[in-house]
Amino acid sequence: MYCPKCGKENPDNAQFCQWCGRSFNPVQRTGQAQAPGQQQPGNQGQVARIPNYLVWAIICIFLCWPTAIPAIVYASRVDGQVASGDIDGARTSSEKAKSWAVLSTAIAAFLFILAIILGAVA
């Protein structure tokens, strides 16, 4: 399970986060408004894992660096946003990082195929 406070992974049966000490069994107070991005009461203490695509973005530096830079920027924001509780922002950054990484990979694949075709013609 992932800590909703710091975003670090913990064992599923943990009572407290081993990184920040947050309790995974908070007392739900009635009448208390729920903050945006916070999990529903049935899912207390569990934050869905949001992929950051950082490794893919870094690999894209060797494929097509101009489009890999935005991928790295967005990918590096995801974990910090999860840790601060901005789940919606983390999902958005994750989607943008993936989009830029896909674009980098597609451009590299296109240029590779083009080079093969031009090499066969010449």
PDB file of N, CA and C in Angstrom:
ATOM      1  N   MET A   1       0.852  -1.172   0.000  1.00  0.00           N
ATOM      2  CA  MET A   1       0.000   0.000   0.000  1.00  0.00           C
ATOM      3  C   MET A   1       0.893   1.228   0.000  1.00  0.00           C
ATOM      4  N   TYR A   2       0.373   2.287  -0.582  1.00  0.00           N
ATOM      5  CA  TYR A   2       1.124   3.539  -0.685  1.00  0.00           C
ATOM      6  C   TYR A   2       0.590   4.537   0.341  1.00  0.00           C
ATOM      7  N   CYS A   3       1.502   5.232   0.989  1.00  0.00           N
ATOM      8  CA  CYS A   3       1.134   6.218   2.003  1.00  0.00           C
ATOM      9  C   CYS A   3       0.499   7.436   1.332  1.00  0.00           C
ATOM     10  N   PRO A   4      -0.677   7.873   1.806  1.00  0.00           N
ATOM     11  CA  PRO A   4      -1.303   9.048   1.198  1.00  0.00           C
ATOM     12  C   PRO A   4      -0.575  10.347   1.531  1.00  0.00           C
ATOM     13  N   LYS A   5       0.284  10.308   2.547  1.00  0.00           N
ATOM     14  CA  LYS A   5       1.003  11.526   2.929  1.00  0.00           C
ATOM     15  C   LYS A   5       2.297  11.692   2.126  1.00  0.00           C
ATOM     16  N   CYS A   6       3.127  10.636   2.101  1.00  0.00           N
ATOM     17  CA  CYS A   6       4.425  10.768   1.434  1.00  0.00           C
ATOM     18  C   CYS A   6       4.507  10.028   0.107  1.00  0.00           C
ATOM     19  N   GLY A   7       3.540   9.136  -0.172  1.00  0.00           N
ATOM     20  CA  GLY A   7       3.510   8.428  -1.435  1.00  0.00           C
ATOM     21  C   GLY A   7       4.443   7.230  -1.524  1.00  0.00           C
ATOM     22  N   LYS A   8       5.112   6.877  -0.441  1.00  0.00           N
ATOM     23  CA  LYS A   8       6.056   5.752  -0.457  1.00  0.00           C
ATOM     24  C   LYS A   8       5.311   4.429  -0.264  1.00  0.00           C
ATOM     25  N   GLU A   9       5.891   3.361  -0.790  1.00  0.00           N
ATOM     26  CA  GLU A   9       5.275   2.043  -0.683  1.00  0.00           C
ATOM     27  C   GLU A   9       5.579   1.436   0.681  1.00  0.00           C
ATOM     28  N   ASN A  10       4.580   0.785   1.250  1.00  0.00           N
ATOM     29  CA  ASN A  10       4.684   0.107   2.539  1.00  0.00           C
ATOM     30  C   ASN A  10       4.068  -1.282   2.414  1.00  0.00           C
ATOM     31  N   PRO A  11       4.377  -2.195   3.351  1.00  0.00           N
ATOM     32  CA  PRO A  11       3.727  -3.511   3.329  1.00  0.00           C
ATOM     33  C   PRO A  11       2.211  -3.349   3.486  1.00  0.00           C
ATOM     34  N   ASP A  12       1.459  -4.279   2.895  1.00  0.00           N
ATOM     35  CA  ASP A  12      -0.002  -4.185   2.933  1.00  0.00           C
ATOM     36  C   ASP A  12      -0.575  -4.255   4.349  1.00  0.00           C
ATOM     37  N   ASN A  13       0.096  -4.923   5.270  1.00  0.00           N
ATOM     38  CA  ASN A  13      -0.426  -5.067   6.623  1.00  0.00           C
ATOM     39  C   ASN A  13       0.141  -4.026   7.602  1.00  0.00           C
ATOM     40  N   ALA A  14       0.830  -3.020   7.101  1.00  0.00           N
ATOM     41  CA  ALA A  14       1.450  -2.007   7.969  1.00  0.00           C
ATOM     42  C   ALA A  14       0.386  -1.132   8.634  1.00  0.00           C
ATOM     43  N   GLN A  15       0.618  -0.778   9.884  1.00  0.00           N
ATOM     44  CA  GLN A  15      -0.266   0.114  10.617  1.00  0.00           C
ATOM     45  C   GLN A  15       0.183   1.561  10.479  1.00  0.00           C
ATOM     46  N   PHE A  16       1.509   1.754  10.270  1.00  0.00           N
ATOM     47  CA  PHE A  16       2.097   3.081  10.137  1.00  0.00           C
ATOM     48  C   PHE A  16       3.037   3.084   8.940  1.00  0.00           C
ATOM     49  N   CYS A  17       3.204   4.242   8.329  1.00  0.00           N
ATOM     50  CA  CYS A  17       4.147   4.380   7.227  1.00  0.00           C
ATOM     51  C   CYS A  17       5.568   4.278   7.781  1.00  0.00           C
ATOM     52  N   GLN A  18       6.367   3.433   7.176  1.00  0.00           N
ATOM     53  CA  GLN A  18       7.747   3.267   7.652  1.00  0.00           C
ATOM     54  C   GLN A  18       8.634   4.439   7.265  1.00  0.00           C
ATOM     55  N   TRP A  19       8.128   5.340   6.407  1.00  0.00           N
ATOM     56  CA  TRP A  19       8.905   6.487   5.952  1.00  0.00           C
ATOM     57  C   TRP A  19       8.566   7.763   6.712  1.00  0.00           C
ATOM     58  N   CYS A  20       7.271   8.030   6.879  1.00  0.00           N
ATOM     59  CA  CYS A  20       6.894   9.294   7.527  1.00  0.00           C
ATOM     60  C   CYS A  20       6.162   9.103   8.850  1.00  0.00           C
ATOM     61  N   GLY A  21       5.768   7.865   9.170  1.00  0.00           N
ATOM     62  CA  GLY A  21       5.125   7.593  10.450  1.00  0.00           C
ATOM     63  C   GLY A  21       3.619   7.802  10.465  1.00  0.00           C
ATOM     64  N   ARG A  22       3.000   8.137   9.362  1.00  0.00           N
ATOM     65  CA  ARG A  22       1.554   8.389   9.323  1.00  0.00           C
ATOM     66  C   ARG A  22       0.804   7.095   9.599  1.00  0.00           C
ATOM     67  N   SER A  23      -0.251   7.187  10.400  1.00  0.00           N
ATOM     68  CA  SER A  23      -1.083   6.036  10.709  1.00  0.00           C
ATOM     69  C   SER A  23      -1.969   5.718   9.515  1.00  0.00           C
ATOM     70  N   PHE A  24      -2.135   4.423   9.226  1.00  0.00           N
ATOM     71  CA  PHE A  24      -3.006   4.005   8.143  1.00  0.00           C
ATOM     72  C   PHE A  24      -4.430   3.745   8.617  1.00  0.00           C
ATOM     73  N   ASN A  25      -4.708   3.937   9.894  1.00  0.00           N
ATOM     74  CA  ASN A  25      -6.032   3.723  10.443  1.00  0.00           C
ATOM     75  C   ASN A  25      -6.562   4.993  11.090  1.00  0.00           C
ATOM     76  N   PRO A  26      -6.729   6.069  10.315  1.00  0.00           N
ATOM     77  CA  PRO A  26      -7.217   7.303  10.912  1.00  0.00           C
ATOM     78  C   PRO A  26      -8.683   7.183  11.312  1.00  0.00           C
ATOM     79  N   VAL A  27      -9.050   7.913  12.349  1.00  0.00           N
ATOM     80  CA  VAL A  27     -10.437   7.948  12.796  1.00  0.00           C
ATOM     81  C   VAL A  27     -11.180   8.896  11.880  1.00  0.00           C
ATOM     82  N   GLN A  28     -12.250   8.390  11.234  1.00  0.00           N
ATOM     83  CA  GLN A  28     -13.047   9.211  10.327  1.00  0.00           C
ATOM     84  C   GLN A  28     -13.996  10.062  11.152  1.00  0.00           C
ATOM     85  N   ARG A  29     -13.848  11.374  11.057  1.00  0.00           N
ATOM     86  CA  ARG A  29     -14.708  12.283  11.795  1.00  0.00           C
ATOM     87  C   ARG A  29     -15.933  12.591  10.954  1.00  0.00           C
ATOM     88  N   THR A  30     -17.089  12.570  11.563  1.00  0.00           N
ATOM     89  CA  THR A  30     -18.309  12.861  10.820  1.00  0.00           C
ATOM     90  C   THR A  30     -18.434  14.350  10.609  1.00  0.00           C
ATOM     91  N   GLY A  31     -19.011  14.710   9.483  1.00  0.00           N
ATOM     92  CA  GLY A  31     -19.218  16.115   9.176  1.00  0.00           C
ATOM     93  C   GLY A  31     -17.981  16.819   8.660  1.00  0.00           C
ATOM     94  N   GLN A  32     -16.892  16.100   8.463  1.00  0.00           N
ATOM     95  CA  GLN A  32     -15.653  16.704   8.002  1.00  0.00           C
ATOM     96  C   GLN A  32     -15.603  16.637   6.479  1.00  0.00           C
ATOM     97  N   ALA A  33     -15.324  17.764   5.849  1.00  0.00           N
ATOM     98  CA  ALA A  33     -15.272  17.820   4.390  1.00  0.00           C
ATOM     99  C   ALA A  33     -14.049  17.077   3.896  1.00  0.00           C
ATOM    100  N   GLN A  34     -14.203  16.440   2.774  1.00  0.00           N
ATOM    101  CA  GLN A  34     -13.101  15.691   2.191  1.00  0.00           C
ATOM    102  C   GLN A  34     -12.351  16.572   1.201  1.00  0.00           C
ATOM    103  N   ALA A  35     -11.044  16.606   1.327  1.00  0.00           N
ATOM    104  CA  ALA A  35     -10.209  17.435   0.458  1.00  0.00           C
ATOM    105  C   ALA A  35     -10.178  16.850  -0.954  1.00  0.00           C
ATOM    106  N   PRO A  36     -10.005  17.696  -1.971  1.00  0.00           N
ATOM    107  CA  PRO A  36      -9.917  17.187  -3.341  1.00  0.00           C
ATOM    108  C   PRO A  36      -8.738  16.240  -3.489  1.00  0.00           C
ATOM    109  N   GLY A  37      -8.963  15.142  -4.204  1.00  0.00           N
ATOM    110  CA  GLY A  37      -7.900  14.167  -4.433  1.00  0.00           C
ATOM    111  C   GLY A  37      -7.754  13.163  -3.313  1.00  0.00           C
ATOM    112  N   GLN A  38      -8.483  13.321  -2.225  1.00  0.00           N
ATOM    113  CA  GLN A  38      -8.391  12.411  -1.102  1.00  0.00           C
ATOM    114  C   GLN A  38      -9.230  11.177  -1.387  1.00  0.00           C
ATOM    115  N   GLN A  39      -8.837  10.035  -0.861  1.00  0.00           N
ATOM    116  CA  GLN A  39      -9.543   8.791  -1.110  1.00  0.00           C
ATOM    117  C   GLN A  39     -10.846   8.740  -0.326  1.00  0.00           C
ATOM    118  N   GLN A  40     -11.782   7.922  -0.797  1.00  0.00           N
ATOM    119  CA  GLN A  40     -13.048   7.717  -0.116  1.00  0.00           C
ATOM    120  C   GLN A  40     -12.802   6.963   1.187  1.00  0.00           C
ATOM    121  N   PRO A  41     -13.732   7.075   2.180  1.00  0.00           N
ATOM    122  CA  PRO A  41     -13.512   6.434   3.478  1.00  0.00           C
ATOM    123  C   PRO A  41     -13.247   4.938   3.393  1.00  0.00           C
ATOM    124  N   GLY A  42     -13.834   4.227   2.432  1.00  0.00           N
ATOM    125  CA  GLY A  42     -13.596   2.792   2.305  1.00  0.00           C
ATOM    126  C   GLY A  42     -12.184   2.462   1.871  1.00  0.00           C
ATOM    127  N   ASN A  43     -11.472   3.408   1.333  1.00  0.00           N
ATOM    128  CA  ASN A  43     -10.114   3.180   0.832  1.00  0.00           C
ATOM    129  C   ASN A  43      -9.072   3.927   1.653  1.00  0.00           C
ATOM    130  N   GLN A  44      -9.337   4.182   2.896  1.00  0.00           N
ATOM    131  CA  GLN A  44      -8.414   4.941   3.734  1.00  0.00           C
ATOM    132  C   GLN A  44      -7.039   4.294   3.739  1.00  0.00           C
ATOM    133  N   GLY A  45      -6.015   5.099   3.573  1.00  0.00           N
ATOM    134  CA  GLY A  45      -4.637   4.625   3.674  1.00  0.00           C
ATOM    135  C   GLY A  45      -4.102   4.027   2.385  1.00  0.00           C
ATOM    136  N   GLN A  46      -4.908   3.970   1.332  1.00  0.00           N
ATOM    137  CA  GLN A  46      -4.433   3.391   0.089  1.00  0.00           C
ATOM    138  C   GLN A  46      -4.559   4.420  -1.023  1.00  0.00           C
ATOM    139  N   VAL A  47      -3.464   4.689  -1.676  1.00  0.00           N
ATOM    140  CA  VAL A  47      -3.455   5.584  -2.825  1.00  0.00           C
ATOM    141  C   VAL A  47      -3.084   4.742  -4.029  1.00  0.00           C
ATOM    142  N   ALA A  48      -3.866   4.866  -5.086  1.00  0.00           N
ATOM    143  CA  ALA A  48      -3.562   4.109  -6.293  1.00  0.00           C
ATOM    144  C   ALA A  48      -2.183   4.512  -6.817  1.00  0.00           C
ATOM    145  N   ARG A  49      -1.439   3.544  -7.292  1.00  0.00           N
ATOM    146  CA  ARG A  49      -0.111   3.831  -7.818  1.00  0.00           C
ATOM    147  C   ARG A  49      -0.248   4.569  -9.127  1.00  0.00           C
ATOM    148  N   ILE A  50       0.381   5.702  -9.222  1.00  0.00           N
ATOM    149  CA  ILE A  50       0.367   6.504 -10.435  1.00  0.00           C
ATOM    150  C   ILE A  50       1.753   6.407 -11.058  1.00  0.00           C
ATOM    151  N   PRO A  51       1.848   5.806 -12.258  1.00  0.00           N
ATOM    152  CA  PRO A  51       3.175   5.644 -12.875  1.00  0.00           C
ATOM    153  C   PRO A  51       3.747   6.988 -13.302  1.00  0.00           C
ATOM    154  N   ASN A  52       5.062   7.138 -13.130  1.00  0.00           N
ATOM    155  CA  ASN A  52       5.669   8.416 -13.511  1.00  0.00           C
ATOM    156  C   ASN A  52       6.374   8.360 -14.869  1.00  0.00           C
ATOM    157  N   TYR A  53       6.611   7.186 -15.417  1.00  0.00           N
ATOM    158  CA  TYR A  53       7.235   7.019 -16.736  1.00  0.00           C
ATOM    159  C   TYR A  53       8.606   7.676 -16.827  1.00  0.00           C
ATOM    160  N   LEU A  54       9.299   7.850 -15.712  1.00  0.00           N
ATOM    161  CA  LEU A  54      10.590   8.529 -15.714  1.00  0.00           C
ATOM    162  C   LEU A  54      11.664   7.737 -16.461  1.00  0.00           C
ATOM    163  N   VAL A  55      11.695   6.428 -16.279  1.00  0.00           N
ATOM    164  CA  VAL A  55      12.709   5.613 -16.964  1.00  0.00           C
ATOM    165  C   VAL A  55      12.519   5.703 -18.474  1.00  0.00           C
ATOM    166  N   TRP A  56      11.292   5.575 -18.918  1.00  0.00           N
ATOM    167  CA  TRP A  56      10.994   5.674 -20.353  1.00  0.00           C
ATOM    168  C   TRP A  56      11.382   7.051 -20.889  1.00  0.00           C
ATOM    169  N   ALA A  57      11.073   8.094 -20.109  1.00  0.00           N
ATOM    170  CA  ALA A  57      11.408   9.456 -20.529  1.00  0.00           C
ATOM    171  C   ALA A  57      12.925   9.635 -20.656  1.00  0.00           C
ATOM    172  N   ILE A  58      13.678   9.059 -19.732  1.00  0.00           N
ATOM    173  CA  ILE A  58      15.137   9.170 -19.784  1.00  0.00           C
ATOM    174  C   ILE A  58      15.694   8.409 -20.992  1.00  0.00           C
ATOM    175  N   ILE A  59      15.136   7.239 -21.267  1.00  0.00           N
ATOM    176  CA  ILE A  59      15.570   6.476 -22.444  1.00  0.00           C
ATOM    177  C   ILE A  59      15.289   7.267 -23.721  1.00  0.00           C
ATOM    178  N   CYS A  60      14.203   8.026 -23.711  1.00  0.00           N
ATOM    179  CA  CYS A  60      13.827   8.821 -24.892  1.00  0.00           C
ATOM    180  C   CYS A  60      14.850   9.905 -25.216  1.00  0.00           C
ATOM    181  N   ILE A  61      15.697  10.266 -24.260  1.00  0.00           N
ATOM    182  CA  ILE A  61      16.766  11.233 -24.534  1.00  0.00           C
ATOM    183  C   ILE A  61      17.631  10.733 -25.687  1.00  0.00           C
ATOM    184  N   PHE A  62      17.849   9.410 -25.756  1.00  0.00           N
ATOM    185  CA  PHE A  62      18.672   8.825 -26.809  1.00  0.00           C
ATOM    186  C   PHE A  62      17.891   8.625 -28.103  1.00  0.00           C
ATOM    187  N   LEU A  63      16.572   8.686 -28.019  1.00  0.00           N
ATOM    188  CA  LEU A  63      15.739   8.489 -29.202  1.00  0.00           C
ATOM    189  C   LEU A  63      15.442   9.805 -29.909  1.00  0.00           C
ATOM    190  N   CYS A  64      14.933  10.773 -29.156  1.00  0.00           N
ATOM    191  CA  CYS A  64      14.577  12.075 -29.730  1.00  0.00           C
ATOM    192  C   CYS A  64      14.581  13.086 -28.586  1.00  0.00           C
ATOM    193  N   TRP A  65      15.721  13.692 -28.333  1.00  0.00           N
ATOM    194  CA  TRP A  65      15.871  14.533 -27.137  1.00  0.00           C
ATOM    195  C   TRP A  65      14.950  15.745 -27.078  1.00  0.00           C
ATOM    196  N   PRO A  66      14.590  16.408 -28.193  1.00  0.00           N
ATOM    197  CA  PRO A  66      13.726  17.593 -28.045  1.00  0.00           C
ATOM    198  C   PRO A  66      12.355  17.278 -27.422  1.00  0.00           C
ATOM    199  N   THR A  67      11.811  16.106 -27.728  1.00  0.00           N
ATOM    200  CA  THR A  67      10.520  15.753 -27.138  1.00  0.00           C
ATOM    201  C   THR A  67      10.676  14.968 -25.837  1.00  0.00           C
ATOM    202  N   ALA A  68      11.874  14.504 -25.546  1.00  0.00           N
ATOM    203  CA  ALA A  68      12.109  13.784 -24.295  1.00  0.00           C
ATOM    204  C   ALA A  68      12.205  14.736 -23.105  1.00  0.00           C
ATOM    205  N   ILE A  69      12.626  15.962 -23.342  1.00  0.00           N
ATOM    206  CA  ILE A  69      12.774  16.920 -22.237  1.00  0.00           C
ATOM    207  C   ILE A  69      11.447  17.193 -21.540  1.00  0.00           C
ATOM    208  N   PRO A  70      10.353  17.499 -22.267  1.00  0.00           N
ATOM    209  CA  PRO A  70       9.084  17.679 -21.563  1.00  0.00           C
ATOM    210  C   PRO A  70       8.613  16.395 -20.866  1.00  0.00           C
ATOM    211  N   ALA A  71       8.919  15.235 -21.454  1.00  0.00           N
ATOM    212  CA  ALA A  71       8.552  13.969 -20.818  1.00  0.00           C
ATOM    213  C   ALA A  71       9.234  13.833 -19.466  1.00  0.00           C
ATOM    214  N   ILE A  72      10.505  14.195 -19.400  1.00  0.00           N
ATOM    215  CA  ILE A  72      11.242  14.114 -18.139  1.00  0.00           C
ATOM    216  C   ILE A  72      10.701  15.124 -17.128  1.00  0.00           C
ATOM    217  N   VAL A  73      10.395  16.315 -17.585  1.00  0.00           N
ATOM    218  CA  VAL A  73       9.873  17.350 -16.681  1.00  0.00           C
ATOM    219  C   VAL A  73       8.561  16.890 -16.045  1.00  0.00           C
ATOM    220  N   TYR A  74       7.623  16.415 -16.870  1.00  0.00           N
ATOM    221  CA  TYR A  74       6.338  15.962 -16.325  1.00  0.00           C
ATOM    222  C   TYR A  74       6.502  14.717 -15.456  1.00  0.00           C
ATOM    223  N   ALA A  75       7.368  13.789 -15.876  1.00  0.00           N
ATOM    224  CA  ALA A  75       7.575  12.561 -15.109  1.00  0.00           C
ATOM    225  C   ALA A  75       8.163  12.853 -13.734  1.00  0.00           C
ATOM    226  N   SER A  76       9.027  13.849 -13.658  1.00  0.00           N
ATOM    227  CA  SER A  76       9.654  14.166 -12.370  1.00  0.00           C
ATOM    228  C   SER A  76       8.687  14.848 -11.398  1.00  0.00           C
ATOM    229  N   ARG A  77       7.564  15.349 -11.884  1.00  0.00           N
ATOM    230  CA  ARG A  77       6.586  16.006 -11.015  1.00  0.00           C
ATOM    231  C   ARG A  77       5.640  15.025 -10.318  1.00  0.00           C
ATOM    232  N   VAL A  78       5.456  13.840 -10.874  1.00  0.00           N
ATOM    233  CA  VAL A  78       4.405  12.923 -10.420  1.00  0.00           C
ATOM    234  C   VAL A  78       4.550  12.551  -8.949  1.00  0.00           C
ATOM    235  N   ASP A  79       5.712  12.049  -8.544  1.00  0.00           N
ATOM    236  CA  ASP A  79       5.873  11.575  -7.168  1.00  0.00           C
ATOM    237  C   ASP A  79       5.711  12.697  -6.146  1.00  0.00           C
ATOM    238  N   GLY A  80       6.199  13.888  -6.460  1.00  0.00           N
ATOM    239  CA  GLY A  80       6.035  15.020  -5.557  1.00  0.00           C
ATOM    240  C   GLY A  80       4.583  15.416  -5.395  1.00  0.00           C
ATOM    241  N   GLN A  81       3.827  15.347  -6.492  1.00  0.00           N
ATOM    242  CA  GLN A  81       2.413  15.679  -6.410  1.00  0.00           C
ATOM    243  C   GLN A  81       1.644  14.634  -5.619  1.00  0.00           C
ATOM    244  N   VAL A  82       2.001  13.365  -5.763  1.00  0.00           N
ATOM    245  CA  VAL A  82       1.357  12.316  -4.963  1.00  0.00           C
ATOM    246  C   VAL A  82       1.671  12.531  -3.489  1.00  0.00           C
ATOM    247  N   ALA A  83       2.931  12.842  -3.190  1.00  0.00           N
ATOM    248  CA  ALA A  83       3.336  13.054  -1.804  1.00  0.00           C
ATOM    249  C   ALA A  83       2.624  14.246  -1.168  1.00  0.00           C
ATOM    250  N   SER A  84       2.346  15.263  -1.959  1.00  0.00           N
ATOM    251  CA  SER A  84       1.666  16.439  -1.401  1.00  0.00           C
ATOM    252  C   SER A  84       0.154  16.282  -1.405  1.00  0.00           C
ATOM    253  N   GLY A  85      -0.354  15.168  -1.939  1.00  0.00           N
ATOM    254  CA  GLY A  85      -1.786  14.915  -1.924  1.00  0.00           C
ATOM    255  C   GLY A  85      -2.522  15.395  -3.164  1.00  0.00           C
ATOM    256  N   ASP A  86      -1.804  15.902  -4.143  1.00  0.00           N
ATOM    257  CA  ASP A  86      -2.418  16.385  -5.380  1.00  0.00           C
ATOM    258  C   ASP A  86      -2.534  15.224  -6.363  1.00  0.00           C
ATOM    259  N   ILE A  87      -3.489  14.335  -6.115  1.00  0.00           N
ATOM    260  CA  ILE A  87      -3.641  13.130  -6.920  1.00  0.00           C
ATOM    261  C   ILE A  87      -4.059  13.471  -8.349  1.00  0.00           C
ATOM    262  N   ASP A  88      -4.989  14.412  -8.503  1.00  0.00           N
ATOM    263  CA  ASP A  88      -5.428  14.799  -9.847  1.00  0.00           C
ATOM    264  C   ASP A  88      -4.281  15.407 -10.648  1.00  0.00           C
ATOM    265  N   GLY A  89      -3.493  16.242 -10.023  1.00  0.00           N
ATOM    266  CA  GLY A  89      -2.332  16.828 -10.693  1.00  0.00           C
ATOM    267  C   GLY A  89      -1.307  15.769 -11.063  1.00  0.00           C
ATOM    268  N   ALA A  90      -1.130  14.779 -10.181  1.00  0.00           N
ATOM    269  CA  ALA A  90      -0.184  13.695 -10.464  1.00  0.00           C
ATOM    270  C   ALA A  90      -0.649  12.874 -11.657  1.00  0.00           C
ATOM    271  N   ARG A  91      -1.951  12.609 -11.739  1.00  0.00           N
ATOM    272  CA  ARG A  91      -2.485  11.856 -12.887  1.00  0.00           C
ATOM    273  C   ARG A  91      -2.287  12.641 -14.182  1.00  0.00           C
ATOM    274  N   THR A  92      -2.527  13.941 -14.121  1.00  0.00           N
ATOM    275  CA  THR A  92      -2.347  14.780 -15.307  1.00  0.00           C
ATOM    276  C   THR A  92      -0.883  14.783 -15.750  1.00  0.00           C
ATOM    277  N   SER A  93       0.030  14.963 -14.804  1.00  0.00           N
ATOM    278  CA  SER A  93       1.462  14.951 -15.134  1.00  0.00           C
ATOM    279  C   SER A  93       1.884  13.600 -15.690  1.00  0.00           C
ATOM    280  N   SER A  94       1.337  12.521 -15.121  1.00  0.00           N
ATOM    281  CA  SER A  94       1.651  11.179 -15.597  1.00  0.00           C
ATOM    282  C   SER A  94       1.192  10.992 -17.038  1.00  0.00           C
ATOM    283  N   GLU A  95      -0.026  11.454 -17.340  1.00  0.00           N
ATOM    284  CA  GLU A  95      -0.545  11.329 -18.705  1.00  0.00           C
ATOM    285  C   GLU A  95       0.280  12.149 -19.691  1.00  0.00           C
ATOM    286  N   LYS A  96       0.688  13.349 -19.283  1.00  0.00           N
ATOM    287  CA  LYS A  96       1.502  14.188 -20.173  1.00  0.00           C
ATOM    288  C   LYS A  96       2.883  13.586 -20.386  1.00  0.00           C
ATOM    289  N   ALA A  97       3.476  13.032 -19.331  1.00  0.00           N
ATOM    290  CA  ALA A  97       4.782  12.384 -19.466  1.00  0.00           C
ATOM    291  C   ALA A  97       4.693  11.214 -20.434  1.00  0.00           C
ATOM    292  N   LYS A  98       3.628  10.422 -20.314  1.00  0.00           N
ATOM    293  CA  LYS A  98       3.446   9.278 -21.215  1.00  0.00           C
ATOM    294  C   LYS A  98       3.255   9.759 -22.652  1.00  0.00           C
ATOM    295  N   SER A  99       2.469  10.810 -22.846  1.00  0.00           N
ATOM    296  CA  SER A  99       2.229  11.331 -24.198  1.00  0.00           C
ATOM    297  C   SER A  99       3.525  11.786 -24.865  1.00  0.00           C
ATOM    298  N   TRP A 100       4.344  12.518 -24.117  1.00  0.00           N
ATOM    299  CA  TRP A 100       5.612  12.991 -24.685  1.00  0.00           C
ATOM    300  C   TRP A 100       6.570  11.824 -24.945  1.00  0.00           C
ATOM    301  N   ALA A 101       6.563  10.811 -24.075  1.00  0.00           N
ATOM    302  CA  ALA A 101       7.429   9.649 -24.282  1.00  0.00           C
ATOM    303  C   ALA A 101       6.972   8.855 -25.507  1.00  0.00           C
ATOM    304  N   VAL A 102       5.662   8.718 -25.682  1.00  0.00           N
ATOM    305  CA  VAL A 102       5.138   8.029 -26.866  1.00  0.00           C
ATOM    306  C   VAL A 102       5.536   8.798 -28.125  1.00  0.00           C
ATOM    307  N   LEU A 103       5.401  10.114 -28.092  1.00  0.00           N
ATOM    308  CA  LEU A 103       5.779  10.936 -29.242  1.00  0.00           C
ATOM    309  C   LEU A 103       7.263  10.767 -29.573  1.00  0.00           C
ATOM    310  N   SER A 104       8.108  10.785 -28.566  1.00  0.00           N
ATOM    311  CA  SER A 104       9.553  10.598 -28.782  1.00  0.00           C
ATOM    312  C   SER A 104       9.843   9.250 -29.420  1.00  0.00           C
ATOM    313  N   THR A 105       9.192   8.207 -28.913  1.00  0.00           N
ATOM    314  CA  THR A 105       9.405   6.865 -29.446  1.00  0.00           C
ATOM    315  C   THR A 105       8.897   6.759 -30.883  1.00  0.00           C
ATOM    316  N   ALA A 106       7.748   7.363 -31.162  1.00  0.00           N
ATOM    317  CA  ALA A 106       7.186   7.320 -32.519  1.00  0.00           C
ATOM    318  C   ALA A 106       8.076   8.057 -33.514  1.00  0.00           C
ATOM    319  N   ILE A 107       8.577   9.206 -33.125  1.00  0.00           N
ATOM    320  CA  ILE A 107       9.481   9.958 -34.013  1.00  0.00           C
ATOM    321  C   ILE A 107      10.746   9.159 -34.291  1.00  0.00           C
ATOM    322  N   ALA A 108      11.302   8.549 -33.249  1.00  0.00           N
ATOM    323  CA  ALA A 108      12.520   7.753 -33.429  1.00  0.00           C
ATOM    324  C   ALA A 108      12.252   6.558 -34.339  1.00  0.00           C
ATOM    325  N   ALA A 109      11.107   5.899 -34.165  1.00  0.00           N
ATOM    326  CA  ALA A 109      10.763   4.749 -35.008  1.00  0.00           C
ATOM    327  C   ALA A 109      10.587   5.185 -36.462  1.00  0.00           C
ATOM    328  N   PHE A 110       9.915   6.310 -36.672  1.00  0.00           N
ATOM    329  CA  PHE A 110       9.724   6.832 -38.026  1.00  0.00           C
ATOM    330  C   PHE A 110      11.071   7.141 -38.690  1.00  0.00           C
ATOM    331  N   LEU A 111      11.960   7.808 -37.976  1.00  0.00           N
ATOM    332  CA  LEU A 111      13.268   8.152 -38.539  1.00  0.00           C
ATOM    333  C   LEU A 111      14.109   6.910 -38.811  1.00  0.00           C
ATOM    334  N   PHE A 112      13.984   5.896 -37.959  1.00  0.00           N
ATOM    335  CA  PHE A 112      14.716   4.651 -38.160  1.00  0.00           C
ATOM    336  C   PHE A 112      14.231   3.944 -39.424  1.00  0.00           C
ATOM    337  N   ILE A 113      12.920   3.857 -39.584  1.00  0.00           N
ATOM    338  CA  ILE A 113      12.353   3.219 -40.779  1.00  0.00           C
ATOM    339  C   ILE A 113      12.712   4.010 -42.028  1.00  0.00           C
ATOM    340  N   LEU A 114      12.660   5.328 -41.937  1.00  0.00           N
ATOM    341  CA  LEU A 114      13.034   6.178 -43.064  1.00  0.00           C
ATOM    342  C   LEU A 114      14.495   5.960 -43.451  1.00  0.00           C
ATOM    343  N   ALA A 115      15.358   5.838 -42.471  1.00  0.00           N
ATOM    344  CA  ALA A 115      16.782   5.606 -42.745  1.00  0.00           C
ATOM    345  C   ALA A 115      16.993   4.259 -43.431  1.00  0.00           C
ATOM    346  N   ILE A 116      16.244   3.241 -43.019  1.00  0.00           N
ATOM    347  CA  ILE A 116      16.359   1.928 -43.662  1.00  0.00           C
ATOM    348  C   ILE A 116      15.895   1.994 -45.118  1.00  0.00           C
ATOM    349  N   ILE A 117      14.770   2.673 -45.335  1.00  0.00           N
ATOM    350  CA  ILE A 117      14.252   2.792 -46.697  1.00  0.00           C
ATOM    351  C   ILE A 117      15.225   3.561 -47.593  1.00  0.00           C
ATOM    352  N   LEU A 118      15.728   4.691 -47.098  1.00  0.00           N
ATOM    353  CA  LEU A 118      16.663   5.479 -47.886  1.00  0.00           C
ATOM    354  C   LEU A 118      17.974   4.753 -48.109  1.00  0.00           C
ATOM    355  N   GLY A 119      18.393   3.941 -47.145  1.00  0.00           N
ATOM    356  CA  GLY A 119      19.597   3.156 -47.309  1.00  0.00           C
ATOM    357  C   GLY A 119      19.432   2.064 -48.345  1.00  0.00           C
ATOM    358  N   ALA A 120      18.222   1.485 -48.415  1.00  0.00           N
ATOM    359  CA  ALA A 120      17.967   0.415 -49.395  1.00  0.00           C
ATOM    360  C   ALA A 120      17.852   0.994 -50.803  1.00  0.00           C
ATOM    361  N   VAL A 121      17.330   2.206 -50.918  1.00  0.00           N
ATOM    362  CA  VAL A 121      17.162   2.846 -52.221  1.00  0.00           C
ATOM    363  C   VAL A 121      18.512   3.295 -52.778  1.00  0.00           C
ATOM    364  N   ALA A 122      19.370   3.782 -51.932  1.00  0.00           N
ATOM    365  CA  ALA A 122      20.664   4.322 -52.377  1.00  0.00           C
ATOM    366  C   ALA A 122      21.579   3.179 -52.616  1.00  0.00           C
TER     367      ALA A 122
END
